[in-house]
Amino acid sequence: MSDTNPASPWTGPELFRALQLKVRWNLPPEVLVEEALRNGEGSLTESGALRVMTGEFTGRSPDDKFTVRRPPSVEHIDWTSRFSHGIEPAQAEALTDRFARGAHEIPRLYGFQGFIGRGPHRVPVALITEYAWHSLMGHHMYVRPTEAELAEHQPDFTLLYTPSQRSVPDIDGTRSETVVLCDLENRLGVIGGTEYGGEEKKFFFYLMNYLLPLQGVFPMHCSANVGPAGDVSVIFGLSGTGKTTLSADPSRLLLGDDEHGWDEVGVSNFEGGCYAKLIRLSREREGMIWDAVNRPGSILENVPVRDGQPDFQDAAVENTRGVYPLD
């Protein structure tokens, strides 16, 4: 490990290099599923989908998300929003140092290298996870590099996601033992104390919502698809209001179900996969989504399973999710 300490803060590239030899990088989905089963992270349905449960947290924890207050980003963030929680640099650096050093003691770490976004505004990222299924989610959700791109890939931003590591509120200045920390200037993030997969997905969306407006790109929480004439439909709505369903129109090409950017060139998807809400999913009404989540390699998050069959009608956990790649 590096001799880095809170007086000499970690950067994303340094974190990536420090853990590079510890991490098993870019494993294929079938291997990550095997690892998840071996680690006791989940079980298989009859269709071969990986079903996981996220314990205490079945949704995101917005009150536990913190952004480091340092220039120049401090001038571009609306701190009056009730969801904009700041943390002082010294506290963030100490927390990051503890997580970085602690990660080296975790028995297994998995890594994904890829991109968020496409075209000239895409961001090379690295995702380092304690759980194999979180790495599988990264493989599905983010833009995968070609072999040539992977050979030269150097992440601009690194996210360390280790649920077993927890914040110490009295020391770190956090609200609870759960923490989602974003350090924009040092190009890194850490997540601890929660297993919910949506935290890693929205972490990168938060990053793009900061970076892209400074480059003249409008980031949008929307789904989008393309008609035969090249016409793009952009569909806005809160979580669970039908964006994924409406975008999965078999007569149109799916661009993406949740995160896009709009500039003078057009509309582009930030992601490489879908994170579909599955409550009351039926094959009759949403056949494409049904087929996508009921196949080997897909992830079913917090979905009740009975006799090997997922029960999408059970509303015990409203925020059930399915993860699958666009292809």
Foldseek 3Di string as FASTA:
>chain_A
DDPDALVRFAFQLNLCVVCVVQADEDDDLVVLLVQQVVVVQFDAFPQAATEGEWPPDQDDDLQQEEEECDPDVVVVDDCVDPSYHYFYSSLVRNLVVVVSVVVSVQNHKYKYWDWFWDDPPIFTEMEIESHSVLRLLVVAKAHHDDPVCVVVGRGQAYEYEYAVQFDDCVRNVGDGRWHWYDYLVSRYIYTYNTDHSVSVVVSVVVNCCSPVVVVQKDKAFWWWWAAPVRDIDTGDDDPPPQRQQVQVDVRTGGQARTIWIQHPVGIHGRIFKHKHFQAPNDCVRRVVVVVQQSHRSKYWYPFDADPSRTDNPDVPPRRIIIIGGSD
